[in-house]
């Protein structure tokens, strides 16, 4: 018996660790799928606008999976961690952030290592994620006050809360359905439905 249902059926002390690894793996896999799509779409759009040529979406996806899957997998791990670390530094205490040049430098420098805008350059220019993120953010800094506009962009927050809402609806629907039909694995199904809905 495998999966979360198998972990809860065995009843060992390592169940929490095993379930956590499965959930983290599923969440990371969803990030990889989302980022592969973003890189493939940016590749096809770049070909269209730069060469005025059409690139089939399946061809763009195939090239992405063959040549850039490593960058996407590493980026799917590092970018959320970098964003979390940068956000923590910036939000812990605004007064300390503004007055301490060390914190300011760390928060502004770490974003060069990986950001979500770098995935577009990975697809368009066939670069590694670190170089693509660095080039993208440096380009943002050349335009006056554009970096502040990016920092104050609430699109990602709206997308996050929408995804949380859709995941919650999916989890609620699946959990209630499983609880009414078969009470054995409603918790596992609810977690899976939330992550897939998210």
C-alpha atoms as a PDB file:
ATOM      1  CA  UNK A   1       0.000   0.000   0.000  1.00  0.00           C
ATOM      2  CA  UNK A   2       1.509   3.308  -1.077  1.00  0.00           C
ATOM      3  CA  UNK A   3       0.706   6.982  -0.709  1.00  0.00           C
ATOM      4  CA  UNK A   4      -0.848   8.863   2.166  1.00  0.00           C
ATOM      5  CA  UNK A   5      -3.485   6.169   2.613  1.00  0.00           C
ATOM      6  CA  UNK A   6      -0.763   3.546   2.993  1.00  0.00           C
ATOM      7  CA  UNK A   7       1.106   5.695   5.498  1.00  0.00           C
ATOM      8  CA  UNK A   8      -1.926   6.129   7.700  1.00  0.00           C
ATOM      9  CA  UNK A   9      -2.831   2.441   7.392  1.00  0.00           C
ATOM     10  CA  UNK A  10       0.546   1.224   8.677  1.00  0.00           C
ATOM     11  CA  UNK A  11       0.330   3.263  11.877  1.00  0.00           C
ATOM     12  CA  UNK A  12       4.073   3.812  12.429  1.00  0.00           C
ATOM     13  CA  UNK A  13       5.729   6.824  14.045  1.00  0.00           C
ATOM     14  CA  UNK A  14       7.175   7.953  10.720  1.00  0.00           C
ATOM     15  CA  UNK A  15       3.746   8.641   9.201  1.00  0.00           C
ATOM     16  CA  UNK A  16       3.974  12.418   9.604  1.00  0.00           C
ATOM     17  CA  UNK A  17       7.394  12.497   7.915  1.00  0.00           C
ATOM     18  CA  UNK A  18       6.225  10.259   5.080  1.00  0.00           C
ATOM     19  CA  UNK A  19       3.034  12.268   4.523  1.00  0.00           C
ATOM     20  CA  UNK A  20       4.971  15.552   4.603  1.00  0.00           C
ATOM     21  CA  UNK A  21       7.405  14.289   1.967  1.00  0.00           C
ATOM     22  CA  UNK A  22       4.527  13.189  -0.280  1.00  0.00           C
ATOM     23  CA  UNK A  23       2.719  16.528   0.050  1.00  0.00           C
ATOM     24  CA  UNK A  24       5.900  18.567  -0.568  1.00  0.00           C
ATOM     25  CA  UNK A  25       6.712  16.387  -3.574  1.00  0.00           C
ATOM     26  CA  UNK A  26       3.240  16.880  -5.014  1.00  0.00           C
ATOM     27  CA  UNK A  27       3.400  20.661  -4.487  1.00  0.00           C
ATOM     28  CA  UNK A  28       6.858  20.844  -6.124  1.00  0.00           C
ATOM     29  CA  UNK A  29       5.640  18.755  -9.074  1.00  0.00           C
ATOM     30  CA  UNK A  30       2.770  21.188  -9.605  1.00  0.00           C
ATOM     31  CA  UNK A  31       5.267  24.088  -9.578  1.00  0.00           C
ATOM     32  CA  UNK A  32       7.420  22.315 -12.161  1.00  0.00           C
ATOM     33  CA  UNK A  33       4.422  21.720 -14.438  1.00  0.00           C
ATOM     34  CA  UNK A  34       3.356  25.377 -14.157  1.00  0.00           C
ATOM     35  CA  UNK A  35       6.881  26.655 -14.855  1.00  0.00           C
ATOM     36  CA  UNK A  36       7.416  24.278 -17.798  1.00  0.00           C
ATOM     37  CA  UNK A  37       4.254  25.697 -19.345  1.00  0.00           C
ATOM     38  CA  UNK A  38       5.464  29.250 -18.733  1.00  0.00           C
ATOM     39  CA  UNK A  39       8.852  28.565 -20.350  1.00  0.00           C
ATOM     40  CA  UNK A  40       7.275  26.803 -23.354  1.00  0.00           C
ATOM     41  CA  UNK A  41       4.755  29.594 -23.921  1.00  0.00           C
ATOM     42  CA  UNK A  42       7.425  32.284 -23.634  1.00  0.00           C
ATOM     43  CA  UNK A  43       9.558  30.370 -26.150  1.00  0.00           C
ATOM     44  CA  UNK A  44       6.701  30.183 -28.680  1.00  0.00           C
ATOM     45  CA  UNK A  45       5.733  33.844 -28.184  1.00  0.00           C
ATOM     46  CA  UNK A  46       9.368  34.973 -28.500  1.00  0.00           C
ATOM     47  CA  UNK A  47       9.727  33.088 -31.780  1.00  0.00           C
ATOM     48  CA  UNK A  48       6.544  34.722 -33.061  1.00  0.00           C
ATOM     49  CA  UNK A  49       7.539  38.272 -32.144  1.00  0.00           C
ATOM     50  CA  UNK A  50      11.255  38.095 -32.940  1.00  0.00           C
ATOM     51  CA  UNK A  51      11.158  36.142 -36.208  1.00  0.00           C
ATOM     52  CA  UNK A  52       7.515  36.676 -37.185  1.00  0.00           C
ATOM     53  CA  UNK A  53       7.238  32.901 -37.376  1.00  0.00           C
ATOM     54  CA  UNK A  54       4.821  30.491 -35.748  1.00  0.00           C
ATOM     55  CA  UNK A  55       6.099  27.798 -33.401  1.00  0.00           C
ATOM     56  CA  UNK A  56       3.859  24.895 -32.555  1.00  0.00           C
ATOM     57  CA  UNK A  57       3.055  24.680 -28.828  1.00  0.00           C
ATOM     58  CA  UNK A  58       3.963  20.977 -28.813  1.00  0.00           C
ATOM     59  CA  UNK A  59       7.352  21.755 -30.369  1.00  0.00           C
ATOM     60  CA  UNK A  60       7.985  24.470 -27.777  1.00  0.00           C
ATOM     61  CA  UNK A  61       7.023  22.073 -25.006  1.00  0.00           C
ATOM     62  CA  UNK A  62       9.288  19.364 -26.461  1.00  0.00           C
ATOM     63  CA  UNK A  63      12.286  21.702 -26.660  1.00  0.00           C
ATOM     64  CA  UNK A  64      11.618  22.905 -23.123  1.00  0.00           C
ATOM     65  CA  UNK A  65      11.466  19.365 -21.775  1.00  0.00           C
ATOM     66  CA  UNK A  66      14.632  18.349 -23.631  1.00  0.00           C
ATOM     67  CA  UNK A  67      16.873  21.349 -23.031  1.00  0.00           C
ATOM     68  CA  UNK A  68      15.580  23.392 -20.111  1.00  0.00           C
ATOM     69  CA  UNK A  69      13.919  20.983 -17.709  1.00  0.00           C
ATOM     70  CA  UNK A  70      16.901  21.152 -15.338  1.00  0.00           C
ATOM     71  CA  UNK A  71      16.684  24.943 -15.028  1.00  0.00           C
ATOM     72  CA  UNK A  72      12.935  24.721 -14.514  1.00  0.00           C
ATOM     73  CA  UNK A  73      13.256  22.045 -11.810  1.00  0.00           C
ATOM     74  CA  UNK A  74      15.947  23.946  -9.925  1.00  0.00           C
ATOM     75  CA  UNK A  75      14.011  27.179 -10.334  1.00  0.00           C
ATOM     76  CA  UNK A  76      10.832  25.574  -9.055  1.00  0.00           C
ATOM     77  CA  UNK A  77      12.716  24.792  -5.859  1.00  0.00           C
ATOM     78  CA  UNK A  78      14.759  27.965  -5.451  1.00  0.00           C
ATOM     79  CA  UNK A  79      12.402  30.741  -6.568  1.00  0.00           C
ATOM     80  CA  UNK A  80       9.753  30.127  -3.868  1.00  0.00           C
ATOM     81  CA  UNK A  81      12.506  29.910  -1.231  1.00  0.00           C
ATOM     82  CA  UNK A  82      14.154  33.121  -2.470  1.00  0.00           C
ATOM     83  CA  UNK A  83      10.823  34.952  -2.564  1.00  0.00           C
ATOM     84  CA  UNK A  84      10.000  33.717   0.944  1.00  0.00           C
ATOM     85  CA  UNK A  85      13.427  34.731   2.279  1.00  0.00           C
ATOM     86  CA  UNK A  86      13.287  38.154   0.594  1.00  0.00           C
ATOM     87  CA  UNK A  87       9.749  38.759   1.781  1.00  0.00           C
ATOM     88  CA  UNK A  88      10.692  37.785   5.321  1.00  0.00           C
ATOM     89  CA  UNK A  89      13.624  40.189   5.326  1.00  0.00           C
ATOM     90  CA  UNK A  90      11.500  42.992   3.912  1.00  0.00           C
ATOM     91  CA  UNK A  91       8.432  42.459   6.082  1.00  0.00           C
ATOM     92  CA  UNK A  92       9.927  41.626   9.499  1.00  0.00           C
ATOM     93  CA  UNK A  93      10.336  45.237  10.406  1.00  0.00           C
ATOM     94  CA  UNK A  94      10.032  47.991   7.833  1.00  0.00           C
ATOM     95  CA  UNK A  95      11.981  50.428  10.022  1.00  0.00           C
ATOM     96  CA  UNK A  96      14.932  48.062  10.348  1.00  0.00           C
ATOM     97  CA  UNK A  97      14.769  47.260   6.629  1.00  0.00           C
ATOM     98  CA  UNK A  98      14.833  50.906   5.659  1.00  0.00           C
ATOM     99  CA  UNK A  99      17.569  51.904   8.092  1.00  0.00           C
ATOM    100  CA  UNK A 100      19.891  48.902   7.855  1.00  0.00           C
ATOM    101  CA  UNK A 101      21.951  48.886   4.672  1.00  0.00           C
ATOM    102  CA  UNK A 102      22.925  45.219   5.167  1.00  0.00           C
ATOM    103  CA  UNK A 103      19.322  43.981   5.142  1.00  0.00           C
ATOM    104  CA  UNK A 104      18.526  46.251   2.222  1.00  0.00           C
ATOM    105  CA  UNK A 105      21.464  44.912   0.238  1.00  0.00           C
ATOM    106  CA  UNK A 106      20.610  41.267   0.996  1.00  0.00           C
ATOM    107  CA  UNK A 107      16.945  41.704   0.055  1.00  0.00           C
ATOM    108  CA  UNK A 108      17.788  43.516  -3.174  1.00  0.00           C
ATOM    109  CA  UNK A 109      20.670  41.244  -4.129  1.00  0.00           C
ATOM    110  CA  UNK A 110      19.061  37.864  -3.464  1.00  0.00           C
ATOM    111  CA  UNK A 111      16.357  38.539  -6.060  1.00  0.00           C
ATOM    112  CA  UNK A 112      19.071  38.476  -8.731  1.00  0.00           C
ATOM    113  CA  UNK A 113      19.613  34.779  -7.999  1.00  0.00           C
ATOM    114  CA  UNK A 114      16.117  33.730  -8.944  1.00  0.00           C
ATOM    115  CA  UNK A 115      12.757  35.330  -9.615  1.00  0.00           C
ATOM    116  CA  UNK A 116       9.587  34.347 -11.403  1.00  0.00           C
ATOM    117  CA  UNK A 117      10.260  36.753 -14.270  1.00  0.00           C
ATOM    118  CA  UNK A 118      13.435  34.843 -15.103  1.00  0.00           C
ATOM    119  CA  UNK A 119      11.430  31.893 -16.448  1.00  0.00           C
ATOM    120  CA  UNK A 120      10.436  34.025 -19.444  1.00  0.00           C
ATOM    121  CA  UNK A 121      14.107  34.572 -20.320  1.00  0.00           C
ATOM    122  CA  UNK A 122      14.839  30.885 -19.792  1.00  0.00           C
ATOM    123  CA  UNK A 123      12.368  30.124 -22.568  1.00  0.00           C
ATOM    124  CA  UNK A 124      13.100  33.057 -24.835  1.00  0.00           C
ATOM    125  CA  UNK A 125      16.893  33.236 -24.660  1.00  0.00           C
ATOM    126  CA  UNK A 126      17.838  29.648 -23.673  1.00  0.00           C
ATOM    127  CA  UNK A 127      19.672  30.815 -20.550  1.00  0.00           C
ATOM    128  CA  UNK A 128      20.025  29.209 -17.170  1.00  0.00           C
ATOM    129  CA  UNK A 129      17.664  30.457 -14.488  1.00  0.00           C
ATOM    130  CA  UNK A 130      20.271  32.359 -12.480  1.00  0.00           C
ATOM    131  CA  UNK A 131      21.567  34.274 -15.492  1.00  0.00           C
ATOM    132  CA  UNK A 132      18.061  34.844 -16.848  1.00  0.00           C
ATOM    133  CA  UNK A 133      16.793  36.144 -13.491  1.00  0.00           C
ATOM    134  CA  UNK A 134      19.795  38.412 -13.091  1.00  0.00           C
ATOM    135  CA  UNK A 135      19.405  39.858 -16.604  1.00  0.00           C
ATOM    136  CA  UNK A 136      15.677  40.370 -16.149  1.00  0.00           C
ATOM    137  CA  UNK A 137      15.964  42.143 -12.800  1.00  0.00           C
ATOM    138  CA  UNK A 138      18.856  44.319 -13.997  1.00  0.00           C
ATOM    139  CA  UNK A 139      16.721  45.345 -16.954  1.00  0.00           C
ATOM    140  CA  UNK A 140      13.940  46.275 -14.513  1.00  0.00           C
ATOM    141  CA  UNK A 141      16.408  48.458 -12.613  1.00  0.00           C
ATOM    142  CA  UNK A 142      17.350  50.445 -15.725  1.00  0.00           C
ATOM    143  CA  UNK A 143      13.819  51.892 -15.961  1.00  0.00           C
ATOM    144  CA  UNK A 144      13.212  54.549 -13.286  1.00  0.00           C
ATOM    145  CA  UNK A 145      10.866  53.400 -10.493  1.00  0.00           C
ATOM    146  CA  UNK A 146       9.983  50.186 -12.350  1.00  0.00           C
ATOM    147  CA  UNK A 147      11.442  47.988  -9.612  1.00  0.00           C
ATOM    148  CA  UNK A 148       9.145  49.648  -7.069  1.00  0.00           C
ATOM    149  CA  UNK A 149       6.197  49.069  -9.378  1.00  0.00           C
ATOM    150  CA  UNK A 150       7.108  45.368  -9.602  1.00  0.00           C
ATOM    151  CA  UNK A 151       7.429  45.182  -5.802  1.00  0.00           C
ATOM    152  CA  UNK A 152       3.999  46.771  -5.314  1.00  0.00           C
ATOM    153  CA  UNK A 153       2.343  44.581  -7.940  1.00  0.00           C
ATOM    154  CA  UNK A 154      -0.570  42.764  -6.321  1.00  0.00           C
ATOM    155  CA  UNK A 155      -1.226  40.412  -9.227  1.00  0.00           C
ATOM    156  CA  UNK A 156       0.671  37.590  -7.551  1.00  0.00           C
ATOM    157  CA  UNK A 157      -1.285  38.144  -4.329  1.00  0.00           C
ATOM    158  CA  UNK A 158      -4.575  38.031  -6.203  1.00  0.00           C
ATOM    159  CA  UNK A 159      -3.483  34.865  -8.007  1.00  0.00           C
ATOM    160  CA  UNK A 160      -2.359  33.312  -4.721  1.00  0.00           C
ATOM    161  CA  UNK A 161      -5.639  34.031  -2.940  1.00  0.00           C
ATOM    162  CA  UNK A 162      -7.632  32.852  -5.966  1.00  0.00           C
ATOM    163  CA  UNK A 163      -5.647  29.614  -6.029  1.00  0.00           C
ATOM    164  CA  UNK A 164      -6.175  29.176  -2.292  1.00  0.00           C
ATOM    165  CA  UNK A 165      -9.917  29.690  -2.755  1.00  0.00           C
ATOM    166  CA  UNK A 166     -10.131  27.225  -5.646  1.00  0.00           C
ATOM    167  CA  UNK A 167      -8.029  24.722  -3.711  1.00  0.00           C
ATOM    168  CA  UNK A 168     -10.273  25.131  -0.679  1.00  0.00           C
ATOM    169  CA  UNK A 169     -13.407  24.581  -2.781  1.00  0.00           C
ATOM    170  CA  UNK A 170     -11.867  21.487  -4.376  1.00  0.00           C
ATOM    171  CA  UNK A 171     -10.762  20.162  -0.985  1.00  0.00           C
ATOM    172  CA  UNK A 172     -14.144  20.810   0.589  1.00  0.00           C
ATOM    173  CA  UNK A 173     -16.010  19.161  -2.258  1.00  0.00           C
ATOM    174  CA  UNK A 174     -13.746  16.108  -2.366  1.00  0.00           C
ATOM    175  CA  UNK A 175     -13.582  15.793   1.427  1.00  0.00           C
ATOM    176  CA  UNK A 176     -17.340  15.961   1.929  1.00  0.00           C
ATOM    177  CA  UNK A 177     -17.954  13.576  -0.960  1.00  0.00           C
ATOM    178  CA  UNK A 178     -15.446  11.050   0.398  1.00  0.00           C
ATOM    179  CA  UNK A 179     -16.777  11.445   3.932  1.00  0.00           C
ATOM    180  CA  UNK A 180     -20.317  10.669   2.768  1.00  0.00           C
ATOM    181  CA  UNK A 181     -19.370   7.797   0.450  1.00  0.00           C
ATOM    182  CA  UNK A 182     -16.444   6.079   2.153  1.00  0.00           C
ATOM    183  CA  UNK A 183     -15.041   7.359   5.445  1.00  0.00           C
ATOM    184  CA  UNK A 184     -11.669   5.616   5.163  1.00  0.00           C
ATOM    185  CA  UNK A 185      -9.454   8.088   3.308  1.00  0.00           C
ATOM    186  CA  UNK A 186     -11.246  11.439   3.393  1.00  0.00           C
ATOM    187  CA  UNK A 187      -8.254  13.293   4.911  1.00  0.00           C
ATOM    188  CA  UNK A 188      -5.822  12.104   2.230  1.00  0.00           C
ATOM    189  CA  UNK A 189      -8.265  12.855  -0.574  1.00  0.00           C
ATOM    190  CA  UNK A 190      -8.869  16.331   0.832  1.00  0.00           C
ATOM    191  CA  UNK A 191      -5.133  17.115   0.832  1.00  0.00           C
ATOM    192  CA  UNK A 192      -4.694  15.806  -2.707  1.00  0.00           C
ATOM    193  CA  UNK A 193      -7.734  17.769  -3.945  1.00  0.00           C
ATOM    194  CA  UNK A 194      -6.452  20.982  -2.348  1.00  0.00           C
ATOM    195  CA  UNK A 195      -2.995  20.714  -3.904  1.00  0.00           C
ATOM    196  CA  UNK A 196      -4.366  19.791  -7.322  1.00  0.00           C
ATOM    197  CA  UNK A 197      -6.977  22.564  -7.110  1.00  0.00           C
ATOM    198  CA  UNK A 198      -4.354  25.048  -6.025  1.00  0.00           C
END
